[in-house]
All heavy atoms as atom14 arrays in JSON, in Angstrom:
{
  "sequence": "SMATMQAVLTEEPALPGGPLAPVLRGLLAKNIVLRLSAETTRLMLRAA",
  "atom14_mask": [
    [1, 1, 1, 1, 1, 1, 0, 0, 0, 0, 0, 0, 0, 0],
    [1, 1, 1, 1, 1, 1, 1, 1, 0, 0, 0, 0, 0, 0],
    [1, 1, 1, 1, 1, 0, 0, 0, 0, 0, 0, 0, 0, 0],
    [1, 1, 1, 1, 1, 1, 1, 0, 0, 0, 0, 0, 0, 0],
    [1, 1, 1, 1, 1, 1, 1, 1, 0, 0, 0, 0, 0, 0],
    [1, 1, 1, 1, 1, 1, 1, 1, 1, 0, 0, 0, 0, 0],
    [1, 1, 1, 1, 1, 0, 0, 0, 0, 0, 0, 0, 0, 0],
    [1, 1, 1, 1, 1, 1, 1, 0, 0, 0, 0, 0, 0, 0],
    [1, 1, 1, 1, 1, 1, 1, 1, 0, 0, 0, 0, 0, 0],
    [1, 1, 1, 1, 1, 1, 1, 0, 0, 0, 0, 0, 0, 0],
    [1, 1, 1, 1, 1, 1, 1, 1, 1, 0, 0, 0, 0, 0],
    [1, 1, 1, 1, 1, 1, 1, 1, 1, 0, 0, 0, 0, 0],
    [1, 1, 1, 1, 1, 1, 1, 0, 0, 0, 0, 0, 0, 0],
    [1, 1, 1, 1, 1, 0, 0, 0, 0, 0, 0, 0, 0, 0],
    [1, 1, 1, 1, 1, 1, 1, 1, 0, 0, 0, 0, 0, 0],
    [1, 1, 1, 1, 1, 1, 1, 0, 0, 0, 0, 0, 0, 0],
    [1, 1, 1, 1, 0, 0, 0, 0, 0, 0, 0, 0, 0, 0],
    [1, 1, 1, 1, 0, 0, 0, 0, 0, 0, 0, 0, 0, 0],
    [1, 1, 1, 1, 1, 1, 1, 0, 0, 0, 0, 0, 0, 0],
    [1, 1, 1, 1, 1, 1, 1, 1, 0, 0, 0, 0, 0, 0],
    [1, 1, 1, 1, 1, 0, 0, 0, 0, 0, 0, 0, 0, 0],
    [1, 1, 1, 1, 1, 1, 1, 0, 0, 0, 0, 0, 0, 0],
    [1, 1, 1, 1, 1, 1, 1, 0, 0, 0, 0, 0, 0, 0],
    [1, 1, 1, 1, 1, 1, 1, 1, 0, 0, 0, 0, 0, 0],
    [1, 1, 1, 1, 1, 1, 1, 1, 1, 1, 1, 0, 0, 0],
    [1, 1, 1, 1, 0, 0, 0, 0, 0, 0, 0, 0, 0, 0],
    [1, 1, 1, 1, 1, 1, 1, 1, 0, 0, 0, 0, 0, 0],
    [1, 1, 1, 1, 1, 1, 1, 1, 0, 0, 0, 0, 0, 0],
    [1, 1, 1, 1, 1, 0, 0, 0, 0, 0, 0, 0, 0, 0],
    [1, 1, 1, 1, 1, 1, 1, 1, 1, 0, 0, 0, 0, 0],
    [1, 1, 1, 1, 1, 1, 1, 1, 0, 0, 0, 0, 0, 0],
    [1, 1, 1, 1, 1, 1, 1, 1, 0, 0, 0, 0, 0, 0],
    [1, 1, 1, 1, 1, 1, 1, 0, 0, 0, 0, 0, 0, 0],
    [1, 1, 1, 1, 1, 1, 1, 1, 0, 0, 0, 0, 0, 0],
    [1, 1, 1, 1, 1, 1, 1, 1, 1, 1, 1, 0, 0, 0],
    [1, 1, 1, 1, 1, 1, 1, 1, 0, 0, 0, 0, 0, 0],
    [1, 1, 1, 1, 1, 1, 0, 0, 0, 0, 0, 0, 0, 0],
    [1, 1, 1, 1, 1, 0, 0, 0, 0, 0, 0, 0, 0, 0],
    [1, 1, 1, 1, 1, 1, 1, 1, 1, 0, 0, 0, 0, 0],
    [1, 1, 1, 1, 1, 1, 1, 0, 0, 0, 0, 0, 0, 0],
    [1, 1, 1, 1, 1, 1, 1, 0, 0, 0, 0, 0, 0, 0],
    [1, 1, 1, 1, 1, 1, 1, 1, 1, 1, 1, 0, 0, 0],
    [1, 1, 1, 1, 1, 1, 1, 1, 0, 0, 0, 0, 0, 0],
    [1, 1, 1, 1, 1, 1, 1, 1, 0, 0, 0, 0, 0, 0],
    [1, 1, 1, 1, 1, 1, 1, 1, 0, 0, 0, 0, 0, 0],
    [1, 1, 1, 1, 1, 1, 1, 1, 1, 1, 1, 0, 0, 0],
    [1, 1, 1, 1, 1, 0, 0, 0, 0, 0, 0, 0, 0, 0],
    [1, 1, 1, 1, 1, 0, 0, 0, 0, 0, 0, 0, 0, 0]
  ],
  "atom14_positions": [
    [[-118.13, -32.33, 172.25], [-119.41, -32.48, 171.56], [-119.56, -31.51, 170.4], [-120.12, -31.86, 169.36], [-120.57, -32.29, 172.54], [-120.56, -33.3, 173.53], [0.0, 0.0, 0.0], [0.0, 0.0, 0.0], [0.0, 0.0, 0.0], [0.0, 0.0, 0.0], [0.0, 0.0, 0.0], [0.0, 0.0, 0.0], [0.0, 0.0, 0.0], [0.0, 0.0, 0.0]],
    [[-119.07, -30.28, 170.56], [-119.2, -29.29, 169.5], [-118.47, -29.74, 168.24], [-119.0, -29.68, 167.13], [-118.66, -27.95, 169.99], [-118.96, -26.79, 169.06], [-120.68, -26.26, 169.17], [-120.7, -25.55, 170.82], [0.0, 0.0, 0.0], [0.0, 0.0, 0.0], [0.0, 0.0, 0.0], [0.0, 0.0, 0.0], [0.0, 0.0, 0.0], [0.0, 0.0, 0.0]],
    [[-117.21, -30.2, 168.42], [-116.42, -30.65, 167.27], [-117.03, -31.9, 166.65], [-117.02, -32.08, 165.43], [-114.99, -30.91, 167.7], [0.0, 0.0, 0.0], [0.0, 0.0, 0.0], [0.0, 0.0, 0.0], [0.0, 0.0, 0.0], [0.0, 0.0, 0.0], [0.0, 0.0, 0.0], [0.0, 0.0, 0.0], [0.0, 0.0, 0.0], [0.0, 0.0, 0.0]],
    [[-117.58, -32.76, 167.49], [-118.23, -33.97, 166.99], [-119.43, -33.64, 166.12], [-119.61, -34.17, 165.03], [-118.65, -34.88, 168.16], [-117.5, -35.31, 168.88], [-119.43, -36.09, 167.67], [0.0, 0.0, 0.0], [0.0, 0.0, 0.0], [0.0, 0.0, 0.0], [0.0, 0.0, 0.0], [0.0, 0.0, 0.0], [0.0, 0.0, 0.0], [0.0, 0.0, 0.0]],
    [[-120.28, -32.74, 166.6], [-121.46, -32.37, 165.84], [-121.08, -31.69, 164.53], [-121.73, -31.9, 163.5], [-122.34, -31.43, 166.68], [-122.91, -32.08, 167.92], [-124.19, -33.29, 167.54], [-125.58, -32.22, 167.24], [0.0, 0.0, 0.0], [0.0, 0.0, 0.0], [0.0, 0.0, 0.0], [0.0, 0.0, 0.0], [0.0, 0.0, 0.0], [0.0, 0.0, 0.0]],
    [[-120.03, -30.89, 164.54], [-119.59, -30.25, 163.31], [-119.12, -31.3, 162.3], [-119.38, -31.19, 161.1], [-118.49, -29.23, 163.58], [-118.07, -28.47, 162.33], [-117.17, -27.28, 162.64], [-116.87, -27.02, 163.79], [-116.75, -26.56, 161.61], [0.0, 0.0, 0.0], [0.0, 0.0, 0.0], [0.0, 0.0, 0.0], [0.0, 0.0, 0.0], [0.0, 0.0, 0.0]],
    [[-118.4, -32.33, 162.8], [-117.94, -33.4, 161.91], [-119.13, -34.15, 161.31], [-119.15, -34.48, 160.13], [-117.04, -34.35, 162.68], [0.0, 0.0, 0.0], [0.0, 0.0, 0.0], [0.0, 0.0, 0.0], [0.0, 0.0, 0.0], [0.0, 0.0, 0.0], [0.0, 0.0, 0.0], [0.0, 0.0, 0.0], [0.0, 0.0, 0.0], [0.0, 0.0, 0.0]],
    [[-120.15, -34.42, 162.14], [-121.34, -35.11, 161.65], [-122.01, -34.31, 160.54], [-122.45, -34.86, 159.53], [-122.33, -35.35, 162.81], [-123.71, -35.77, 162.29], [-121.8, -36.41, 163.77], [0.0, 0.0, 0.0], [0.0, 0.0, 0.0], [0.0, 0.0, 0.0], [0.0, 0.0, 0.0], [0.0, 0.0, 0.0], [0.0, 0.0, 0.0], [0.0, 0.0, 0.0]],
    [[-122.06, -33.01, 160.7], [-122.79, -32.16, 159.76], [-122.01, -31.84, 158.49], [-122.62, -31.65, 157.43], [-123.18, -30.85, 160.45], [-124.32, -30.94, 161.47], [-124.38, -29.68, 162.32], [-125.65, -31.18, 160.78], [0.0, 0.0, 0.0], [0.0, 0.0, 0.0], [0.0, 0.0, 0.0], [0.0, 0.0, 0.0], [0.0, 0.0, 0.0], [0.0, 0.0, 0.0]],
    [[-120.69, -31.8, 158.56], [-119.94, -31.23, 157.43], [-118.85, -32.11, 156.85], [-118.35, -31.82, 155.77], [-119.27, -29.91, 157.83], [-118.25, -30.18, 158.81], [-120.27, -28.93, 158.42], [0.0, 0.0, 0.0], [0.0, 0.0, 0.0], [0.0, 0.0, 0.0], [0.0, 0.0, 0.0], [0.0, 0.0, 0.0], [0.0, 0.0, 0.0], [0.0, 0.0, 0.0]],
    [[-118.45, -33.17, 157.53], [-117.27, -33.91, 157.08], [-117.6, -35.37, 156.78], [-118.53, -35.95, 157.33], [-116.16, -33.8, 158.12], [-115.79, -32.35, 158.42], [-114.62, -32.24, 159.37], [-113.8, -33.18, 159.42], [-114.53, -31.24, 160.08], [0.0, 0.0, 0.0], [0.0, 0.0, 0.0], [0.0, 0.0, 0.0], [0.0, 0.0, 0.0], [0.0, 0.0, 0.0]],
    [[-116.77, -35.94, 155.89], [-116.91, -37.33, 155.52], [-115.75, -38.13, 156.1], [-114.6, -37.69, 156.02], [-116.9, -37.49, 153.99], [-117.99, -36.72, 153.26], [-119.36, -37.36, 153.4], [-119.42, -38.46, 153.94], [-120.33, -36.74, 152.96], [0.0, 0.0, 0.0], [0.0, 0.0, 0.0], [0.0, 0.0, 0.0], [0.0, 0.0, 0.0], [0.0, 0.0, 0.0]],
    [[-116.02, -39.27, 156.71], [-114.92, -40.07, 157.25], [-114.13, -40.75, 156.13], [-114.68, -41.04, 155.06], [-115.63, -41.11, 158.12], [-116.96, -41.27, 157.48], [-117.33, -39.9, 156.94], [0.0, 0.0, 0.0], [0.0, 0.0, 0.0], [0.0, 0.0, 0.0], [0.0, 0.0, 0.0], [0.0, 0.0, 0.0], [0.0, 0.0, 0.0], [0.0, 0.0, 0.0]],
    [[-112.85, -40.98, 156.37], [-112.04, -41.76, 155.43], [-112.41, -43.22, 155.63], [-112.06, -43.84, 156.63], [-110.56, -41.53, 155.7], [0.0, 0.0, 0.0], [0.0, 0.0, 0.0], [0.0, 0.0, 0.0], [0.0, 0.0, 0.0], [0.0, 0.0, 0.0], [0.0, 0.0, 0.0], [0.0, 0.0, 0.0], [0.0, 0.0, 0.0], [0.0, 0.0, 0.0]],
    [[-113.17, -43.77, 154.7], [-113.7, -45.13, 154.87], [-112.58, -46.16, 154.8], [-111.68, -46.06, 153.97], [-114.73, -45.43, 153.78], [-115.99, -44.57, 153.79], [-116.88, -44.95, 152.62], [-116.74, -44.71, 155.1], [0.0, 0.0, 0.0], [0.0, 0.0, 0.0], [0.0, 0.0, 0.0], [0.0, 0.0, 0.0], [0.0, 0.0, 0.0], [0.0, 0.0, 0.0]],
    [[-112.63, -47.17, 155.67], [-111.68, -48.26, 155.56], [-111.97, -49.09, 154.31], [-113.09, -49.07, 153.79], [-111.93, -49.08, 156.83], [-113.35, -48.79, 157.18], [-113.59, -47.38, 156.76], [0.0, 0.0, 0.0], [0.0, 0.0, 0.0], [0.0, 0.0, 0.0], [0.0, 0.0, 0.0], [0.0, 0.0, 0.0], [0.0, 0.0, 0.0], [0.0, 0.0, 0.0]],
    [[-110.97, -49.8, 153.83], [-111.19, -50.66, 152.68], [-111.87, -51.96, 153.07], [-112.31, -52.14, 154.19], [0.0, 0.0, 0.0], [0.0, 0.0, 0.0], [0.0, 0.0, 0.0], [0.0, 0.0, 0.0], [0.0, 0.0, 0.0], [0.0, 0.0, 0.0], [0.0, 0.0, 0.0], [0.0, 0.0, 0.0], [0.0, 0.0, 0.0], [0.0, 0.0, 0.0]],
    [[-111.93, -52.88, 152.13], [-112.49, -54.18, 152.42], [-113.94, -54.32, 152.05], [-114.57, -53.41, 151.51], [0.0, 0.0, 0.0], [0.0, 0.0, 0.0], [0.0, 0.0, 0.0], [0.0, 0.0, 0.0], [0.0, 0.0, 0.0], [0.0, 0.0, 0.0], [0.0, 0.0, 0.0], [0.0, 0.0, 0.0], [0.0, 0.0, 0.0], [0.0, 0.0, 0.0]],
    [[-114.55, -55.47, 152.34], [-115.89, -55.79, 151.86], [-117.02, -54.96, 152.45], [-118.11, -54.93, 151.91], [-116.04, -57.28, 152.23], [-115.1, -57.48, 153.37], [-113.93, -56.59, 153.1], [0.0, 0.0, 0.0], [0.0, 0.0, 0.0], [0.0, 0.0, 0.0], [0.0, 0.0, 0.0], [0.0, 0.0, 0.0], [0.0, 0.0, 0.0], [0.0, 0.0, 0.0]],
    [[-116.77, -54.29, 153.59], [-117.83, -53.5, 154.2], [-117.82, -52.04, 153.76], [-118.72, -51.28, 154.13], [-117.73, -53.57, 155.73], [-118.39, -54.8, 156.36], [-118.02, -54.93, 157.83], [-119.9, -54.75, 156.19], [0.0, 0.0, 0.0], [0.0, 0.0, 0.0], [0.0, 0.0, 0.0], [0.0, 0.0, 0.0], [0.0, 0.0, 0.0], [0.0, 0.0, 0.0]],
    [[-116.85, -51.64, 152.97], [-116.76, -50.25, 152.53], [-118.04, -49.78, 151.81], [-118.53, -48.68, 152.09], [-115.53, -50.04, 151.67], [0.0, 0.0, 0.0], [0.0, 0.0, 0.0], [0.0, 0.0, 0.0], [0.0, 0.0, 0.0], [0.0, 0.0, 0.0], [0.0, 0.0, 0.0], [0.0, 0.0, 0.0], [0.0, 0.0, 0.0], [0.0, 0.0, 0.0]],
    [[-118.61, -50.57, 150.88], [-119.83, -50.1, 150.2], [-121.01, -49.92, 151.15], [-121.81, -48.99, 150.99], [-120.11, -51.21, 149.17], [-118.79, -51.87, 148.96], [-118.11, -51.83, 150.29], [0.0, 0.0, 0.0], [0.0, 0.0, 0.0], [0.0, 0.0, 0.0], [0.0, 0.0, 0.0], [0.0, 0.0, 0.0], [0.0, 0.0, 0.0], [0.0, 0.0, 0.0]],
    [[-121.13, -50.79, 152.15], [-122.21, -50.67, 153.13], [-122.04, -49.39, 153.93], [-123.0, -48.64, 154.15], [-122.24, -51.9, 154.06], [-123.36, -51.76, 155.09], [-122.41, -53.18, 153.26], [0.0, 0.0, 0.0], [0.0, 0.0, 0.0], [0.0, 0.0, 0.0], [0.0, 0.0, 0.0], [0.0, 0.0, 0.0], [0.0, 0.0, 0.0], [0.0, 0.0, 0.0]],
    [[-120.81, -49.13, 154.36], [-120.55, -47.93, 155.14], [-120.82, -46.68, 154.32], [-121.42, -45.72, 154.82], [-119.1, -47.94, 155.63], [-118.77, -48.97, 156.71], [-117.27, -49.03, 156.97], [-119.51, -48.64, 158.0], [0.0, 0.0, 0.0], [0.0, 0.0, 0.0], [0.0, 0.0, 0.0], [0.0, 0.0, 0.0], [0.0, 0.0, 0.0], [0.0, 0.0, 0.0]],
    [[-120.41, -46.69, 153.08], [-120.63, -45.52, 152.22], [-122.14, -45.24, 152.07], [-122.57, -44.09, 152.1], [-119.99, -45.75, 150.85], [-120.06, -44.53, 149.92], [-119.32, -44.8, 148.62], [-117.9, -45.06, 148.84], [-117.31, -46.25, 148.71], [-118.04, -47.31, 148.35], [-116.03, -46.41, 148.94], [0.0, 0.0, 0.0], [0.0, 0.0, 0.0], [0.0, 0.0, 0.0]],
    [[-122.92, -46.3, 151.93], [-124.36, -46.12, 151.75], [-125.09, -45.73, 153.02], [-125.99, -44.89, 152.99], [0.0, 0.0, 0.0], [0.0, 0.0, 0.0], [0.0, 0.0, 0.0], [0.0, 0.0, 0.0], [0.0, 0.0, 0.0], [0.0, 0.0, 0.0], [0.0, 0.0, 0.0], [0.0, 0.0, 0.0], [0.0, 0.0, 0.0], [0.0, 0.0, 0.0]],
    [[-124.71, -46.31, 154.16], [-125.38, -45.99, 155.41], [-125.01, -44.61, 155.92], [-125.81, -43.95, 156.6], [-125.05, -47.04, 156.48], [-125.69, -48.41, 156.3], [-125.18, -49.37, 157.37], [-127.21, -48.32, 156.36], [0.0, 0.0, 0.0], [0.0, 0.0, 0.0], [0.0, 0.0, 0.0], [0.0, 0.0, 0.0], [0.0, 0.0, 0.0], [0.0, 0.0, 0.0]],
    [[-123.79, -44.15, 155.6], [-123.32, -42.85, 156.1], [-123.53, -41.73, 155.08], [-122.85, -40.71, 155.15], [-121.86, -42.95, 156.51], [-121.58, -43.91, 157.68], [-120.11, -43.93, 158.03], [-122.42, -43.54, 158.91], [0.0, 0.0, 0.0], [0.0, 0.0, 0.0], [0.0, 0.0, 0.0], [0.0, 0.0, 0.0], [0.0, 0.0, 0.0], [0.0, 0.0, 0.0]],
    [[-124.46, -41.93, 154.16], [-124.82, -40.85, 153.24], [-125.56, -39.76, 154.01], [-126.58, -40.03, 154.65], [-125.7, -41.39, 152.11], [0.0, 0.0, 0.0], [0.0, 0.0, 0.0], [0.0, 0.0, 0.0], [0.0, 0.0, 0.0], [0.0, 0.0, 0.0], [0.0, 0.0, 0.0], [0.0, 0.0, 0.0], [0.0, 0.0, 0.0], [0.0, 0.0, 0.0]],
    [[-125.05, -38.55, 153.97], [-125.68, -37.46, 154.72], [-127.05, -37.11, 154.16], [-127.94, -36.71, 154.91], [-124.76, -36.24, 154.75], [-123.47, -36.45, 155.53], [-122.69, -35.18, 155.68], [-121.31, -35.42, 156.27], [-121.36, -35.95, 157.64], [0.0, 0.0, 0.0], [0.0, 0.0, 0.0], [0.0, 0.0, 0.0], [0.0, 0.0, 0.0], [0.0, 0.0, 0.0]],
    [[-127.2, -37.26, 152.86], [-128.49, -37.04, 152.22], [-129.38, -38.25, 152.5], [-129.1, -39.36, 152.05], [-128.32, -36.83, 150.72], [-129.62, -36.43, 150.03], [-130.71, -36.74, 150.5], [-129.5, -35.76, 148.9], [0.0, 0.0, 0.0], [0.0, 0.0, 0.0], [0.0, 0.0, 0.0], [0.0, 0.0, 0.0], [0.0, 0.0, 0.0], [0.0, 0.0, 0.0]],
    [[-130.46, -38.03, 153.25], [-131.3, -39.14, 153.67], [-131.91, -39.88, 152.48], [-132.19, -41.08, 152.55], [-132.4, -38.64, 154.63], [-133.07, -39.79, 155.35], [-133.4, -37.77, 153.91], [-133.99, -39.35, 156.47], [0.0, 0.0, 0.0], [0.0, 0.0, 0.0], [0.0, 0.0, 0.0], [0.0, 0.0, 0.0], [0.0, 0.0, 0.0], [0.0, 0.0, 0.0]],
    [[-132.1, -39.17, 151.35], [-132.67, -39.8, 150.15], [-131.7, -40.83, 149.57], [-132.12, -41.84, 148.99], [-133.01, -38.73, 149.11], [-133.5, -39.35, 147.81], [-134.06, -37.76, 149.65], [0.0, 0.0, 0.0], [0.0, 0.0, 0.0], [0.0, 0.0, 0.0], [0.0, 0.0, 0.0], [0.0, 0.0, 0.0], [0.0, 0.0, 0.0], [0.0, 0.0, 0.0]],
    [[-130.41, -40.59, 149.74], [-129.39, -41.48, 149.19], [-128.97, -42.58, 150.16], [-128.25, -43.49, 149.76], [-128.16, -40.67, 148.78], [-128.38, -39.54, 147.77], [-127.08, -38.8, 147.51], [-128.96, -40.1, 146.47], [0.0, 0.0, 0.0], [0.0, 0.0, 0.0], [0.0, 0.0, 0.0], [0.0, 0.0, 0.0], [0.0, 0.0, 0.0], [0.0, 0.0, 0.0]],
    [[-129.42, -42.53, 151.39], [-129.01, -43.51, 152.39], [-129.64, -44.87, 152.1], [-130.76, -44.97, 151.59], [-129.42, -43.04, 153.78], [-128.71, -43.75, 154.93], [-129.0, -43.03, 156.25], [-128.57, -41.64, 156.17], [-129.09, -40.67, 156.93], [-130.04, -40.95, 157.81], [-128.64, -39.44, 156.81], [0.0, 0.0, 0.0], [0.0, 0.0, 0.0], [0.0, 0.0, 0.0]],
    [[-128.91, -45.92, 152.42], [-129.41, -47.27, 152.18], [-130.67, -47.56, 152.98], [-130.81, -47.13, 154.12], [-128.35, -48.31, 152.58], [-127.04, -48.35, 151.78], [-126.17, -49.49, 152.3], [-127.31, -48.52, 150.3], [0.0, 0.0, 0.0], [0.0, 0.0, 0.0], [0.0, 0.0, 0.0], [0.0, 0.0, 0.0], [0.0, 0.0, 0.0], [0.0, 0.0, 0.0]],
    [[-131.58, -48.3, 152.38], [-132.74, -48.81, 153.1], [-132.33, -50.04, 153.9], [-131.24, -50.6, 153.7], [-133.85, -49.18, 152.12], [-133.44, -50.3, 151.33], [0.0, 0.0, 0.0], [0.0, 0.0, 0.0], [0.0, 0.0, 0.0], [0.0, 0.0, 0.0], [0.0, 0.0, 0.0], [0.0, 0.0, 0.0], [0.0, 0.0, 0.0], [0.0, 0.0, 0.0]],
    [[-133.21, -50.47, 154.78], [-132.92, -51.65, 155.58], [-132.76, -52.89, 154.68], [-131.86, -53.72, 154.89], [-134.02, -51.88, 156.61], [0.0, 0.0, 0.0], [0.0, 0.0, 0.0], [0.0, 0.0, 0.0], [0.0, 0.0, 0.0], [0.0, 0.0, 0.0], [0.0, 0.0, 0.0], [0.0, 0.0, 0.0], [0.0, 0.0, 0.0], [0.0, 0.0, 0.0]],
    [[-133.62, -53.02, 153.68], [-133.57, -54.2, 152.82], [-132.29, -54.2, 151.99], [-131.64, -55.26, 151.85], [-134.79, -54.23, 151.9], [-134.85, -55.46, 151.0], [-134.83, -56.77, 151.78], [-135.35, -56.81, 152.91], [-134.26, -57.76, 151.24], [0.0, 0.0, 0.0], [0.0, 0.0, 0.0], [0.0, 0.0, 0.0], [0.0, 0.0, 0.0], [0.0, 0.0, 0.0]],
    [[-131.89, -53.06, 151.44], [-130.65, -53.01, 150.68], [-129.46, -53.28, 151.57], [-128.5, -53.96, 151.18], [-130.5, -51.64, 150.0], [-131.63, -51.41, 149.15], [-129.24, -51.58, 149.15], [0.0, 0.0, 0.0], [0.0, 0.0, 0.0], [0.0, 0.0, 0.0], [0.0, 0.0, 0.0], [0.0, 0.0, 0.0], [0.0, 0.0, 0.0], [0.0, 0.0, 0.0]],
    [[-129.49, -52.76, 152.8], [-128.42, -53.03, 153.76], [-128.32, -54.52, 154.03], [-127.22, -55.08, 154.08], [-128.67, -52.27, 155.07], [-128.76, -50.87, 154.81], [-127.56, -52.53, 156.07], [0.0, 0.0, 0.0], [0.0, 0.0, 0.0], [0.0, 0.0, 0.0], [0.0, 0.0, 0.0], [0.0, 0.0, 0.0], [0.0, 0.0, 0.0], [0.0, 0.0, 0.0]],
    [[-129.46, -55.16, 154.2], [-129.47, -56.61, 154.46], [-128.82, -57.37, 153.3], [-128.0, -58.28, 153.51], [-130.9, -57.08, 154.67], [-131.03, -58.57, 155.0], [-132.46, -58.97, 155.25], [-132.99, -58.36, 156.47], [-133.86, -57.36, 156.49], [-134.32, -56.85, 155.34], [-134.28, -56.86, 157.62], [0.0, 0.0, 0.0], [0.0, 0.0, 0.0], [0.0, 0.0, 0.0]],
    [[-129.17, -57.0, 152.07], [-128.61, -57.68, 150.9], [-127.1, -57.43, 150.77], [-126.34, -58.34, 150.45], [-129.33, -57.21, 149.64], [-130.81, -57.59, 149.52], [-131.44, -56.94, 148.3], [-130.96, -59.11, 149.46], [0.0, 0.0, 0.0], [0.0, 0.0, 0.0], [0.0, 0.0, 0.0], [0.0, 0.0, 0.0], [0.0, 0.0, 0.0], [0.0, 0.0, 0.0]],
    [[-126.67, -56.2, 151.05], [-125.25, -55.88, 150.93], [-124.43, -56.56, 152.02], [-123.3, -56.98, 151.79], [-125.07, -54.36, 150.96], [-125.63, -53.67, 149.73], [-125.37, -51.87, 149.72], [-123.6, -51.8, 149.44], [0.0, 0.0, 0.0], [0.0, 0.0, 0.0], [0.0, 0.0, 0.0], [0.0, 0.0, 0.0], [0.0, 0.0, 0.0], [0.0, 0.0, 0.0]],
    [[-124.99, -56.68, 153.22], [-124.29, -57.41, 154.29], [-124.16, -58.88, 153.94], [-123.12, -59.51, 154.2], [-125.04, -57.25, 155.61], [-124.94, -55.89, 156.3], [-125.89, -55.83, 157.49], [-123.5, -55.62, 156.76], [0.0, 0.0, 0.0], [0.0, 0.0, 0.0], [0.0, 0.0, 0.0], [0.0, 0.0, 0.0], [0.0, 0.0, 0.0], [0.0, 0.0, 0.0]],
    [[-125.21, -59.43, 153.32], [-125.15, -60.82, 152.9], [-124.08, -61.02, 151.83], [-123.33, -62.0, 151.86], [-126.52, -61.25, 152.38], [-126.67, -62.75, 152.1], [-128.06, -63.04, 151.58], [-129.08, -62.58, 152.51], [-130.36, -62.42, 152.17], [-130.75, -62.65, 150.93], [-131.23, -62.01, 153.07], [0.0, 0.0, 0.0], [0.0, 0.0, 0.0], [0.0, 0.0, 0.0]],
    [[-124.0, -60.07, 150.9], [-122.98, -60.16, 149.85], [-121.58, -60.02, 150.44], [-120.64, -60.72, 150.03], [-123.22, -59.07, 148.81], [0.0, 0.0, 0.0], [0.0, 0.0, 0.0], [0.0, 0.0, 0.0], [0.0, 0.0, 0.0], [0.0, 0.0, 0.0], [0.0, 0.0, 0.0], [0.0, 0.0, 0.0], [0.0, 0.0, 0.0], [0.0, 0.0, 0.0]],
    [[-121.43, -59.12, 151.43], [-120.12, -58.95, 152.07], [-119.7, -60.22, 152.8], [-118.53, -60.62, 152.76], [-120.17, -57.77, 153.04], [0.0, 0.0, 0.0], [0.0, 0.0, 0.0], [0.0, 0.0, 0.0], [0.0, 0.0, 0.0], [0.0, 0.0, 0.0], [0.0, 0.0, 0.0], [0.0, 0.0, 0.0], [0.0, 0.0, 0.0], [0.0, 0.0, 0.0]]
  ]
}
């Protein structure tokens, strides 16, 4: 759990490629201001 929490707080995952990469990048933004909203997520999933 300690290593997991440190990864959540300080590290970025290596995102997989493909059509869902932009959604993952937006939802996993550590800065809450930059994180995708529900409506934008819905539109991006539809586009994917």
